[in-house]
Amino acid sequence: MQDVRIAAAQFEPRPVDKQANLAKIAELTAQAVDGGAEIVCFQEQTVAGYNLWALGRTRERSGGGEVVEPGRVTPAWDLEGVNPYDVAEPVPDGPSTRRLIEIAGDHNAIVCAGLPELRRDNAVYNTYVLVSGKRLLGKYSKCHCVPGMEFAYFKQGGALPVFDLGKVRAGVLICYDNHFPEAHRILAVRGAHAILMPHVTVGRSWWHDLPDEGARDQARNWVLTWLRARAFDNSVFAVFVNQATNTPGDGALGCSMVLDPEGDVIAQCATSGEEVITADLSARKYYDVRRRTHDYLSHRRPELYGPLTRLDVAEP
């Protein structure tokens, strides 16, 4: 690992308006690079917006449809709105990924953003792409879809890769993925120095009885409950980037932040609105923690961990 400056850029996408969202990504990338950022990270489903296209409506399937995998049904809902197949694109050959590569090239930075990906298996994935100004550096598809609605729209990914971004190796875990500590440990074992955590979470409705500032404080505390542990236990930098909102009293609550391998917050957004923060990921800090402070990875006892693969979770 080498020292690198990374940015978390939070904003509220326009639903399904890819051109507007890509323009905003370009604008905020320029702002981040002006602040010295070499890598700029955006939230889950940045390009098309995350709204599941029919969330909260009565769900009636049209034309039947076979189950394509356990826990998942076809996305052929008889509902008003946009079918995910209408907005999903191939990666890297789709127009949105090509545009992200152009943005990265314009600003000599690595850009990371989420979009719905259509693959050759004719399924849509919740995917996060990492691009330079020349090419796709890697992509990750959400492995743990939220039970219920997400299974109607996305097929789950099946791999936990680590990507070489030049000065740093990074893994990606999208939103609900981050509540499975095993995934973080695998990325750390595979050599990740940092884990990117794009989200659309901690909505205002979770704390609807509190004023905006109180709700945001509660959201930040909730995030830090698990985020500190993920960084500290695995001795990695954690880059949490969440959706913002333009409307007080509504939408997501932001709280994007960057933590070091000791679990300390080294940069954070001050508001729930559109904002860009930058943080220096220090190679000295990383190696001090790994070699001197708490190198838990080298003290593991894998021979004891077989029960982690059990599916029949024991009840007390």
C-alpha atoms as a PDB file:
ATOM      1  CA  MET A   1       0.000   0.000   0.000  1.00  0.00           C
ATOM      2  CA  GLN A   2       0.999   3.618  -0.638  1.00  0.00           C
ATOM      3  CA  ASP A   3      -0.500   6.824   0.746  1.00  0.00           C
ATOM      4  CA  VAL A   4      -3.604   7.758  -1.226  1.00  0.00           C
ATOM      5  CA  ARG A   5      -6.323  10.383  -0.876  1.00  0.00           C
ATOM      6  CA  ILE A   6      -9.862   9.081  -1.274  1.00  0.00           C
ATOM      7  CA  ALA A   7     -13.199  10.906  -1.474  1.00  0.00           C
ATOM      8  CA  ALA A   8     -16.741   9.948  -0.496  1.00  0.00           C
ATOM      9  CA  ALA A   9     -19.302  11.950  -2.464  1.00  0.00           C
ATOM     10  CA  GLN A  10     -22.937  11.814  -1.369  1.00  0.00           C
ATOM     11  CA  PHE A  11     -25.881  13.203  -3.320  1.00  0.00           C
ATOM     12  CA  GLU A  12     -29.513  12.408  -4.118  1.00  0.00           C
ATOM     13  CA  PRO A  13     -29.873  10.897  -7.610  1.00  0.00           C
ATOM     14  CA  ARG A  14     -32.832  11.622  -9.832  1.00  0.00           C
ATOM     15  CA  PRO A  15     -34.820   8.383 -10.243  1.00  0.00           C
ATOM     16  CA  VAL A  16     -33.980   6.720 -13.582  1.00  0.00           C
ATOM     17  CA  ASP A  17     -32.445   9.944 -14.980  1.00  0.00           C
ATOM     18  CA  LYS A  18     -29.036   8.571 -15.863  1.00  0.00           C
ATOM     19  CA  GLN A  19     -27.853  11.623 -17.768  1.00  0.00           C
ATOM     20  CA  ALA A  20     -28.565  13.954 -14.854  1.00  0.00           C
ATOM     21  CA  ASN A  21     -26.919  11.588 -12.393  1.00  0.00           C
ATOM     22  CA  LEU A  22     -23.836  11.114 -14.551  1.00  0.00           C
ATOM     23  CA  ALA A  23     -23.566  14.894 -14.871  1.00  0.00           C
ATOM     24  CA  LYS A  24     -23.676  15.177 -11.083  1.00  0.00           C
ATOM     25  CA  ILE A  25     -21.028  12.447 -10.773  1.00  0.00           C
ATOM     26  CA  ALA A  26     -18.809  14.460 -13.127  1.00  0.00           C
ATOM     27  CA  GLU A  27     -19.395  17.646 -11.125  1.00  0.00           C
ATOM     28  CA  LEU A  28     -18.629  16.057  -7.755  1.00  0.00           C
ATOM     29  CA  THR A  29     -15.630  14.172  -9.147  1.00  0.00           C
ATOM     30  CA  ALA A  30     -14.160  17.501 -10.248  1.00  0.00           C
ATOM     31  CA  GLN A  31     -14.803  18.917  -6.778  1.00  0.00           C
ATOM     32  CA  ALA A  32     -13.154  15.917  -5.110  1.00  0.00           C
ATOM     33  CA  VAL A  33     -10.103  16.048  -7.381  1.00  0.00           C
ATOM     34  CA  ASP A  34      -9.751  19.772  -6.666  1.00  0.00           C
ATOM     35  CA  GLY A  35      -9.405  18.661  -3.042  1.00  0.00           C
ATOM     36  CA  GLY A  36      -6.617  16.263  -3.962  1.00  0.00           C
ATOM     37  CA  ALA A  37      -8.632  13.046  -4.253  1.00  0.00           C
ATOM     38  CA  GLU A  38      -7.212  10.262  -6.405  1.00  0.00           C
ATOM     39  CA  ILE A  39     -10.169   7.894  -5.883  1.00  0.00           C
ATOM     40  CA  VAL A  40     -13.785   9.130  -5.754  1.00  0.00           C
ATOM     41  CA  CYS A  41     -16.532   6.874  -4.362  1.00  0.00           C
ATOM     42  CA  PHE A  42     -20.279   7.257  -4.831  1.00  0.00           C
ATOM     43  CA  GLN A  43     -23.214   5.417  -3.261  1.00  0.00           C
ATOM     44  CA  GLU A  44     -25.121   2.283  -4.201  1.00  0.00           C
ATOM     45  CA  GLN A  45     -27.072   2.506  -7.499  1.00  0.00           C
ATOM     46  CA  THR A  46     -25.777   6.015  -8.152  1.00  0.00           C
ATOM     47  CA  VAL A  47     -26.413   6.012 -11.875  1.00  0.00           C
ATOM     48  CA  ALA A  48     -30.104   5.050 -12.065  1.00  0.00           C
ATOM     49  CA  GLY A  49     -31.110   5.801  -8.487  1.00  0.00           C
ATOM     50  CA  TYR A  50     -32.182   3.227  -5.925  1.00  0.00           C
ATOM     51  CA  ASN A  51     -35.951   3.012  -5.577  1.00  0.00           C
ATOM     52  CA  LEU A  52     -36.712  -0.595  -6.588  1.00  0.00           C
ATOM     53  CA  TRP A  53     -39.155   0.873  -9.086  1.00  0.00           C
ATOM     54  CA  ALA A  54     -42.227  -0.344  -7.199  1.00  0.00           C
ATOM     55  CA  LEU A  55     -41.333  -0.223  -3.531  1.00  0.00           C
ATOM     56  CA  GLY A  56     -44.355  -0.050  -1.260  1.00  0.00           C
ATOM     57  CA  ARG A  57     -46.938  -1.002  -3.883  1.00  0.00           C
ATOM     58  CA  THR A  58     -49.101  -4.111  -3.864  1.00  0.00           C
ATOM     59  CA  ARG A  59     -47.053  -6.772  -5.580  1.00  0.00           C
ATOM     60  CA  GLU A  60     -48.943  -8.797  -8.162  1.00  0.00           C
ATOM     61  CA  ARG A  61     -47.033 -10.821 -10.704  1.00  0.00           C
ATOM     62  CA  SER A  62     -48.265 -10.862 -14.263  1.00  0.00           C
ATOM     63  CA  GLY A  63     -47.987 -13.975 -16.373  1.00  0.00           C
ATOM     64  CA  GLY A  64     -46.928 -16.248 -13.516  1.00  0.00           C
ATOM     65  CA  GLY A  65     -43.210 -16.784 -13.812  1.00  0.00           C
ATOM     66  CA  GLU A  66     -40.903 -19.432 -12.461  1.00  0.00           C
ATOM     67  CA  VAL A  67     -38.649 -18.995  -9.487  1.00  0.00           C
ATOM     68  CA  VAL A  68     -35.164 -18.448 -10.893  1.00  0.00           C
ATOM     69  CA  GLU A  69     -33.329 -19.118  -7.649  1.00  0.00           C
ATOM     70  CA  PRO A  70     -34.367 -19.898  -4.066  1.00  0.00           C
ATOM     71  CA  GLY A  71     -35.986 -16.871  -2.453  1.00  0.00           C
ATOM     72  CA  ARG A  72     -36.202 -14.952  -5.702  1.00  0.00           C
ATOM     73  CA  VAL A  73     -39.062 -14.492  -8.143  1.00  0.00           C
ATOM     74  CA  THR A  74     -39.206 -13.048 -11.630  1.00  0.00           C
ATOM     75  CA  PRO A  75     -39.312  -9.234 -11.739  1.00  0.00           C
ATOM     76  CA  ALA A  76     -42.407  -9.274 -13.991  1.00  0.00           C
ATOM     77  CA  TRP A  77     -44.589  -7.330 -11.572  1.00  0.00           C
ATOM     78  CA  ASP A  78     -47.856  -5.951 -12.940  1.00  0.00           C
ATOM     79  CA  LEU A  79     -47.106  -2.493 -11.620  1.00  0.00           C
ATOM     80  CA  GLU A  80     -46.908   1.053 -12.830  1.00  0.00           C
ATOM     81  CA  GLY A  81     -43.306   2.181 -13.085  1.00  0.00           C
ATOM     82  CA  VAL A  82     -39.996   1.239 -14.672  1.00  0.00           C
ATOM     83  CA  ASN A  83     -39.016  -2.378 -15.150  1.00  0.00           C
ATOM     84  CA  PRO A  84     -35.390  -2.880 -14.069  1.00  0.00           C
ATOM     85  CA  TYR A  85     -34.632  -4.502 -17.417  1.00  0.00           C
ATOM     86  CA  ASP A  86     -35.384  -1.157 -19.055  1.00  0.00           C
ATOM     87  CA  VAL A  87     -32.609   0.616 -17.156  1.00  0.00           C
ATOM     88  CA  ALA A  88     -30.027  -2.156 -16.676  1.00  0.00           C
ATOM     89  CA  GLU A  89     -26.915  -2.161 -18.868  1.00  0.00           C
ATOM     90  CA  PRO A  90     -24.007  -4.453 -19.618  1.00  0.00           C
ATOM     91  CA  VAL A  91     -20.660  -3.764 -17.958  1.00  0.00           C
ATOM     92  CA  PRO A  92     -18.230  -2.572 -19.259  1.00  0.00           C
ATOM     93  CA  ASP A  93     -19.775  -2.055 -22.682  1.00  0.00           C
ATOM     94  CA  GLY A  94     -22.882  -0.131 -21.603  1.00  0.00           C
ATOM     95  CA  PRO A  95     -23.114   3.647 -22.083  1.00  0.00           C
ATOM     96  CA  SER A  96     -23.010   4.464 -18.362  1.00  0.00           C
ATOM     97  CA  THR A  97     -19.775   2.599 -17.697  1.00  0.00           C
ATOM     98  CA  ARG A  98     -18.249   4.172 -20.801  1.00  0.00           C
ATOM     99  CA  ARG A  99     -19.284   7.601 -19.515  1.00  0.00           C
ATOM    100  CA  LEU A 100     -17.792   6.878 -16.087  1.00  0.00           C
ATOM    101  CA  ILE A 101     -14.511   5.977 -17.789  1.00  0.00           C
ATOM    102  CA  GLU A 102     -14.634   9.314 -19.627  1.00  0.00           C
ATOM    103  CA  ILE A 103     -15.245  11.163 -16.353  1.00  0.00           C
ATOM    104  CA  ALA A 104     -12.313   9.369 -14.732  1.00  0.00           C
ATOM    105  CA  GLY A 105     -10.129  10.264 -17.692  1.00  0.00           C
ATOM    106  CA  ASP A 106     -11.201  13.911 -17.667  1.00  0.00           C
ATOM    107  CA  HIS A 107     -10.077  14.226 -14.057  1.00  0.00           C
ATOM    108  CA  ASN A 108      -7.228  11.695 -13.919  1.00  0.00           C
ATOM    109  CA  ALA A 109      -8.895   9.823 -11.081  1.00  0.00           C
ATOM    110  CA  ILE A 110     -10.445   6.475 -10.266  1.00  0.00           C
ATOM    111  CA  VAL A 111     -14.241   6.682 -10.084  1.00  0.00           C
ATOM    112  CA  CYS A 112     -16.434   4.142  -8.278  1.00  0.00           C
ATOM    113  CA  ALA A 113     -20.216   4.095  -8.676  1.00  0.00           C
ATOM    114  CA  GLY A 114     -23.223   1.780  -8.626  1.00  0.00           C
ATOM    115  CA  LEU A 115     -25.619   0.813 -11.409  1.00  0.00           C
ATOM    116  CA  PRO A 116     -28.029  -1.977 -12.411  1.00  0.00           C
ATOM    117  CA  GLU A 117     -26.102  -4.469 -14.564  1.00  0.00           C
ATOM    118  CA  LEU A 118     -27.657  -6.793 -17.144  1.00  0.00           C
ATOM    119  CA  ARG A 119     -25.591  -9.934 -17.725  1.00  0.00           C
ATOM    120  CA  ARG A 120     -25.644 -12.690 -20.295  1.00  0.00           C
ATOM    121  CA  ASP A 121     -27.738 -14.854 -17.969  1.00  0.00           C
ATOM    122  CA  ASN A 122     -30.521 -12.266 -18.537  1.00  0.00           C
ATOM    123  CA  ALA A 123     -30.532 -11.318 -14.850  1.00  0.00           C
ATOM    124  CA  VAL A 124     -30.071  -7.878 -13.324  1.00  0.00           C
ATOM    125  CA  TYR A 125     -27.398  -7.411 -10.646  1.00  0.00           C
ATOM    126  CA  ASN A 126     -26.833  -4.610  -8.138  1.00  0.00           C
ATOM    127  CA  THR A 127     -23.312  -3.811  -9.305  1.00  0.00           C
ATOM    128  CA  TYR A 128     -20.563  -1.389  -8.310  1.00  0.00           C
ATOM    129  CA  VAL A 129     -17.934  -0.501 -10.894  1.00  0.00           C
ATOM    130  CA  LEU A 130     -14.428   0.862 -10.392  1.00  0.00           C
ATOM    131  CA  VAL A 131     -12.930   2.592 -13.432  1.00  0.00           C
ATOM    132  CA  SER A 132      -9.850   4.510 -14.453  1.00  0.00           C
ATOM    133  CA  GLY A 133      -9.686   6.876 -17.388  1.00  0.00           C
ATOM    134  CA  LYS A 134      -8.702   3.955 -19.600  1.00  0.00           C
ATOM    135  CA  ARG A 135     -10.723   0.928 -18.553  1.00  0.00           C
ATOM    136  CA  LEU A 136     -12.849  -0.970 -16.094  1.00  0.00           C
ATOM    137  CA  LEU A 137     -10.647  -1.894 -13.113  1.00  0.00           C
ATOM    138  CA  GLY A 138     -13.216  -4.180 -11.556  1.00  0.00           C
ATOM    139  CA  LYS A 139     -16.843  -4.740 -10.691  1.00  0.00           C
ATOM    140  CA  TYR A 140     -18.615  -6.225  -7.705  1.00  0.00           C
ATOM    141  CA  SER A 141     -22.233  -7.414  -7.501  1.00  0.00           C
ATOM    142  CA  LYS A 142     -24.101  -7.383  -4.201  1.00  0.00           C
ATOM    143  CA  CYS A 143     -23.943 -10.855  -2.660  1.00  0.00           C
ATOM    144  CA  HIS A 144     -26.518 -10.382   0.110  1.00  0.00           C
ATOM    145  CA  CYS A 145     -29.769  -8.993  -1.262  1.00  0.00           C
ATOM    146  CA  VAL A 146     -32.235  -7.682   1.317  1.00  0.00           C
ATOM    147  CA  PRO A 147     -34.953 -10.320   1.848  1.00  0.00           C
ATOM    148  CA  GLY A 148     -38.134  -9.414   0.028  1.00  0.00           C
ATOM    149  CA  MET A 149     -38.165  -6.708  -2.608  1.00  0.00           C
ATOM    150  CA  GLU A 150     -34.504  -6.851  -3.662  1.00  0.00           C
ATOM    151  CA  PHE A 151     -34.893 -10.510  -4.563  1.00  0.00           C
ATOM    152  CA  ALA A 152     -37.596  -9.501  -7.023  1.00  0.00           C
ATOM    153  CA  TYR A 153     -35.206  -7.283  -8.942  1.00  0.00           C
ATOM    154  CA  PHE A 154     -31.628  -8.413  -8.437  1.00  0.00           C
ATOM    155  CA  LYS A 155     -29.822 -11.702  -8.690  1.00  0.00           C
ATOM    156  CA  GLN A 156     -27.195 -12.118  -5.992  1.00  0.00           C
ATOM    157  CA  GLY A 157     -23.520 -11.991  -6.868  1.00  0.00           C
ATOM    158  CA  GLY A 158     -21.325 -14.960  -6.107  1.00  0.00           C
ATOM    159  CA  ALA A 159     -17.818 -13.635  -5.425  1.00  0.00           C
ATOM    160  CA  LEU A 160     -15.875 -11.390  -3.024  1.00  0.00           C
ATOM    161  CA  PRO A 161     -13.021  -9.984  -5.128  1.00  0.00           C
ATOM    162  CA  VAL A 162     -10.269  -7.540  -4.187  1.00  0.00           C
ATOM    163  CA  PHE A 163      -9.210  -4.943  -6.752  1.00  0.00           C
ATOM    164  CA  ASP A 164      -5.789  -3.446  -7.409  1.00  0.00           C
ATOM    165  CA  LEU A 165      -6.265   0.322  -7.616  1.00  0.00           C
ATOM    166  CA  GLY A 166      -2.574   1.106  -7.910  1.00  0.00           C
ATOM    167  CA  LYS A 167      -1.703   2.612  -4.548  1.00  0.00           C
ATOM    168  CA  VAL A 168      -4.248   0.566  -2.621  1.00  0.00           C
ATOM    169  CA  ARG A 169      -6.076  -2.758  -2.841  1.00  0.00           C
ATOM    170  CA  ALA A 170      -9.790  -2.450  -2.165  1.00  0.00           C
ATOM    171  CA  GLY A 171     -12.794  -4.696  -1.753  1.00  0.00           C
ATOM    172  CA  VAL A 172     -16.426  -3.637  -2.063  1.00  0.00           C
ATOM    173  CA  LEU A 173     -19.462  -4.559   0.038  1.00  0.00           C
ATOM    174  CA  ILE A 174     -22.815  -3.006  -0.828  1.00  0.00           C
ATOM    175  CA  CYS A 175     -25.236  -1.946   1.912  1.00  0.00           C
ATOM    176  CA  TYR A 176     -26.796  -5.139   3.374  1.00  0.00           C
ATOM    177  CA  ASP A 177     -23.538  -6.996   2.631  1.00  0.00           C
ATOM    178  CA  ASN A 178     -21.970  -5.065   5.478  1.00  0.00           C
ATOM    179  CA  HIS A 179     -24.016  -6.888   8.115  1.00  0.00           C
ATOM    180  CA  PHE A 180     -22.177 -10.140   7.393  1.00  0.00           C
ATOM    181  CA  PRO A 181     -18.781  -9.886   9.136  1.00  0.00           C
ATOM    182  CA  GLU A 182     -17.525 -12.999   7.339  1.00  0.00           C
ATOM    183  CA  ALA A 183     -17.429 -11.023   4.074  1.00  0.00           C
ATOM    184  CA  HIS A 184     -15.140  -8.348   5.526  1.00  0.00           C
ATOM    185  CA  ARG A 185     -12.799 -10.944   6.964  1.00  0.00           C
ATOM    186  CA  ILE A 186     -12.513 -12.675   3.578  1.00  0.00           C
ATOM    187  CA  LEU A 187     -11.612  -9.385   1.876  1.00  0.00           C
ATOM    188  CA  ALA A 188      -8.985  -8.662   4.544  1.00  0.00           C
ATOM    189  CA  VAL A 189      -7.499 -12.152   4.206  1.00  0.00           C
ATOM    190  CA  ARG A 190      -7.349 -11.595   0.444  1.00  0.00           C
ATOM    191  CA  GLY A 191      -5.228  -8.499   0.951  1.00  0.00           C
ATOM    192  CA  ALA A 192      -7.637  -5.575   0.973  1.00  0.00           C
ATOM    193  CA  HIS A 193      -6.220  -2.418   2.544  1.00  0.00           C
ATOM    194  CA  ALA A 194      -9.598  -0.694   2.320  1.00  0.00           C
ATOM    195  CA  ILE A 195     -13.226  -1.741   1.987  1.00  0.00           C
ATOM    196  CA  LEU A 196     -15.602   0.515   0.045  1.00  0.00           C
ATOM    197  CA  MET A 197     -19.139   0.435   1.475  1.00  0.00           C
ATOM    198  CA  PRO A 198     -21.675   2.122  -0.838  1.00  0.00           C
ATOM    199  CA  HIS A 199     -25.147   2.365   0.734  1.00  0.00           C
ATOM    200  CA  VAL A 200     -28.674   3.666   0.435  1.00  0.00           C
ATOM    201  CA  THR A 201     -29.720   3.379   4.066  1.00  0.00           C
ATOM    202  CA  VAL A 202     -30.586   5.142   7.354  1.00  0.00           C
ATOM    203  CA  GLY A 203     -33.694   6.824   5.968  1.00  0.00           C
ATOM    204  CA  ARG A 204     -35.400   9.701   7.747  1.00  0.00           C
ATOM    205  CA  SER A 205     -38.468   7.515   8.386  1.00  0.00           C
ATOM    206  CA  TRP A 206     -36.454   5.335  10.781  1.00  0.00           C
ATOM    207  CA  TRP A 207     -36.516   8.199  13.296  1.00  0.00           C
ATOM    208  CA  HIS A 208     -39.640  10.020  12.129  1.00  0.00           C
ATOM    209  CA  ASP A 209     -40.463  11.259  15.655  1.00  0.00           C
ATOM    210  CA  LEU A 210     -37.182  13.185  16.013  1.00  0.00           C
ATOM    211  CA  PRO A 211     -36.142  16.550  14.582  1.00  0.00           C
ATOM    212  CA  ASP A 212     -33.789  16.355  11.604  1.00  0.00           C
ATOM    213  CA  GLU A 213     -30.589  16.858  13.601  1.00  0.00           C
ATOM    214  CA  GLY A 214     -31.618  14.308  16.197  1.00  0.00           C
ATOM    215  CA  ALA A 215     -32.478  11.796  13.490  1.00  0.00           C
ATOM    216  CA  ARG A 216     -29.108  12.304  11.860  1.00  0.00           C
ATOM    217  CA  ASP A 217     -27.321  11.808  15.192  1.00  0.00           C
ATOM    218  CA  GLN A 218     -29.200   8.538  15.660  1.00  0.00           C
ATOM    219  CA  ALA A 219     -28.303   7.475  12.112  1.00  0.00           C
ATOM    220  CA  ARG A 220     -24.621   8.201  12.686  1.00  0.00           C
ATOM    221  CA  ASN A 221     -24.622   6.278  15.948  1.00  0.00           C
ATOM    222  CA  TRP A 222     -26.280   3.300  14.256  1.00  0.00           C
ATOM    223  CA  VAL A 223     -23.701   3.290  11.456  1.00  0.00           C
ATOM    224  CA  LEU A 224     -20.811   3.516  13.904  1.00  0.00           C
ATOM    225  CA  THR A 225     -22.163   0.572  15.922  1.00  0.00           C
ATOM    226  CA  TRP A 226     -20.999  -1.833  13.252  1.00  0.00           C
ATOM    227  CA  LEU A 227     -18.685   0.279  11.090  1.00  0.00           C
ATOM    228  CA  ARG A 228     -16.031   0.727  13.773  1.00  0.00           C
ATOM    229  CA  ALA A 229     -15.965  -3.020  14.370  1.00  0.00           C
ATOM    230  CA  ARG A 230     -15.585  -3.855  10.672  1.00  0.00           C
ATOM    231  CA  ALA A 231     -12.563  -1.547  10.353  1.00  0.00           C
ATOM    232  CA  PHE A 232     -10.949  -2.407  13.700  1.00  0.00           C
ATOM    233  CA  ASP A 233     -11.375  -6.200  13.638  1.00  0.00           C
ATOM    234  CA  ASN A 234      -9.990  -6.490  10.106  1.00  0.00           C
ATOM    235  CA  SER A 235      -7.324  -3.735  10.322  1.00  0.00           C
ATOM    236  CA  VAL A 236      -8.628  -2.004   7.182  1.00  0.00           C
ATOM    237  CA  PHE A 237      -9.741   1.448   6.129  1.00  0.00           C
ATOM    238  CA  ALA A 238     -13.534   1.674   5.744  1.00  0.00           C
ATOM    239  CA  VAL A 239     -15.126   4.070   3.248  1.00  0.00           C
ATOM    240  CA  PHE A 240     -18.852   4.388   3.999  1.00  0.00           C
ATOM    241  CA  VAL A 241     -20.710   6.432   1.383  1.00  0.00           C
ATOM    242  CA  ASN A 242     -24.462   6.840   1.697  1.00  0.00           C
ATOM    243  CA  GLN A 243     -27.154   8.635  -0.276  1.00  0.00           C
ATOM    244  CA  ALA A 244     -27.971  12.220   0.663  1.00  0.00           C
ATOM    245  CA  THR A 245     -31.252  14.108   0.442  1.00  0.00           C
ATOM    246  CA  ASN A 246     -32.184  17.534  -0.874  1.00  0.00           C
ATOM    247  CA  THR A 247     -35.381  17.717   1.169  1.00  0.00           C
ATOM    248  CA  PRO A 248     -35.295  18.310   4.946  1.00  0.00           C
ATOM    249  CA  GLY A 249     -37.499  15.850   6.800  1.00  0.00           C
ATOM    250  CA  ASP A 250     -37.375  13.252   4.030  1.00  0.00           C
ATOM    251  CA  GLY A 251     -35.064  10.768   2.335  1.00  0.00           C
ATOM    252  CA  ALA A 252     -31.722   9.332   3.398  1.00  0.00           C
ATOM    253  CA  LEU A 253     -29.577  10.904   6.087  1.00  0.00           C
ATOM    254  CA  GLY A 254     -26.116  10.809   4.521  1.00  0.00           C
ATOM    255  CA  CYS A 255     -23.530  10.350   7.296  1.00  0.00           C
ATOM    256  CA  SER A 256     -20.832   9.316   4.801  1.00  0.00           C
ATOM    257  CA  MET A 257     -17.496   8.843   6.557  1.00  0.00           C
ATOM    258  CA  VAL A 258     -14.048   7.268   6.368  1.00  0.00           C
ATOM    259  CA  LEU A 259     -12.490   5.261   9.207  1.00  0.00           C
ATOM    260  CA  ASP A 260      -8.901   4.134   9.740  1.00  0.00           C
ATOM    261  CA  PRO A 261      -7.794   0.594  10.718  1.00  0.00           C
ATOM    262  CA  GLU A 262      -8.134   1.460  14.406  1.00  0.00           C
ATOM    263  CA  GLY A 263     -11.805   2.289  13.920  1.00  0.00           C
ATOM    264  CA  ASP A 264     -11.333   6.062  14.250  1.00  0.00           C
ATOM    265  CA  VAL A 265     -13.316   8.437  12.041  1.00  0.00           C
ATOM    266  CA  ILE A 266     -10.858  10.458   9.941  1.00  0.00           C
ATOM    267  CA  ALA A 267     -13.387  12.287   7.736  1.00  0.00           C
ATOM    268  CA  GLN A 268     -17.166  12.676   7.785  1.00  0.00           C
ATOM    269  CA  CYS A 269     -19.958  14.603   6.126  1.00  0.00           C
ATOM    270  CA  ALA A 270     -21.350  17.418   8.249  1.00  0.00           C
ATOM    271  CA  THR A 271     -24.857  17.397   6.766  1.00  0.00           C
ATOM    272  CA  SER A 272     -27.444  15.076   5.208  1.00  0.00           C
ATOM    273  CA  GLY A 273     -27.244  16.994   1.945  1.00  0.00           C
ATOM    274  CA  GLU A 274     -24.966  16.896  -1.043  1.00  0.00           C
ATOM    275  CA  GLU A 275     -21.364  16.887   0.154  1.00  0.00           C
ATOM    276  CA  VAL A 276     -17.869  15.658  -0.688  1.00  0.00           C
ATOM    277  CA  ILE A 277     -15.291  14.649   1.909  1.00  0.00           C
ATOM    278  CA  THR A 278     -11.686  13.552   1.425  1.00  0.00           C
ATOM    279  CA  ALA A 279      -9.416  11.484   3.630  1.00  0.00           C
ATOM    280  CA  ASP A 280      -5.788  10.419   3.467  1.00  0.00           C
ATOM    281  CA  LEU A 281      -5.352   6.658   3.711  1.00  0.00           C
ATOM    282  CA  SER A 282      -1.947   6.410   5.362  1.00  0.00           C
ATOM    283  CA  ALA A 283       0.297   3.465   4.525  1.00  0.00           C
ATOM    284  CA  ARG A 284       2.180   4.078   7.778  1.00  0.00           C
ATOM    285  CA  LYS A 285      -1.030   3.801   9.779  1.00  0.00           C
ATOM    286  CA  TYR A 286      -2.009   0.609   7.949  1.00  0.00           C
ATOM    287  CA  TYR A 287       1.324  -1.108   8.541  1.00  0.00           C
ATOM    288  CA  ASP A 288       1.610   0.118  12.127  1.00  0.00           C
ATOM    289  CA  VAL A 289      -1.736  -1.477  12.916  1.00  0.00           C
ATOM    290  CA  ARG A 290      -1.005  -4.678  11.016  1.00  0.00           C
ATOM    291  CA  ARG A 291       2.485  -5.172  12.450  1.00  0.00           C
ATOM    292  CA  ARG A 292       2.438  -3.556  15.878  1.00  0.00           C
ATOM    293  CA  THR A 293      -1.003  -2.736  17.235  1.00  0.00           C
ATOM    294  CA  HIS A 294      -3.562  -5.496  16.686  1.00  0.00           C
ATOM    295  CA  ASP A 295      -2.845  -7.932  13.897  1.00  0.00           C
ATOM    296  CA  TYR A 296      -5.800 -10.202  14.577  1.00  0.00           C
ATOM    297  CA  LEU A 297      -5.600 -11.787  11.138  1.00  0.00           C
ATOM    298  CA  SER A 298      -2.375 -13.640  11.914  1.00  0.00           C
ATOM    299  CA  HIS A 299      -3.748 -14.957  15.206  1.00  0.00           C
ATOM    300  CA  ARG A 300      -6.823 -16.645  13.777  1.00  0.00           C
ATOM    301  CA  ARG A 301      -7.659 -20.311  14.457  1.00  0.00           C
ATOM    302  CA  PRO A 302      -9.370 -21.418  11.209  1.00  0.00           C
ATOM    303  CA  GLU A 303      -9.603 -25.014  12.420  1.00  0.00           C
ATOM    304  CA  LEU A 304     -12.248 -23.834  14.906  1.00  0.00           C
ATOM    305  CA  TYR A 305     -14.401 -21.937  12.449  1.00  0.00           C
ATOM    306  CA  GLY A 306     -16.133 -24.724  10.548  1.00  0.00           C
ATOM    307  CA  PRO A 307     -19.577 -23.933  12.047  1.00  0.00           C
ATOM    308  CA  LEU A 308     -19.543 -20.614  10.168  1.00  0.00           C
ATOM    309  CA  THR A 309     -20.652 -22.504   7.049  1.00  0.00           C
ATOM    310  CA  ARG A 310     -23.712 -24.028   8.731  1.00  0.00           C
ATOM    311  CA  LEU A 311     -27.100 -23.107   7.289  1.00  0.00           C
ATOM    312  CA  ASP A 312     -29.147 -24.665  10.108  1.00  0.00           C
ATOM    313  CA  VAL A 313     -28.514 -21.890  12.605  1.00  0.00           C
ATOM    314  CA  ALA A 314     -28.874 -23.199  16.156  1.00  0.00           C
ATOM    315  CA  GLU A 315     -31.587 -21.698  18.323  1.00  0.00           C
ATOM    316  CA  PRO A 316     -30.957 -21.150  22.071  1.00  0.00           C
END
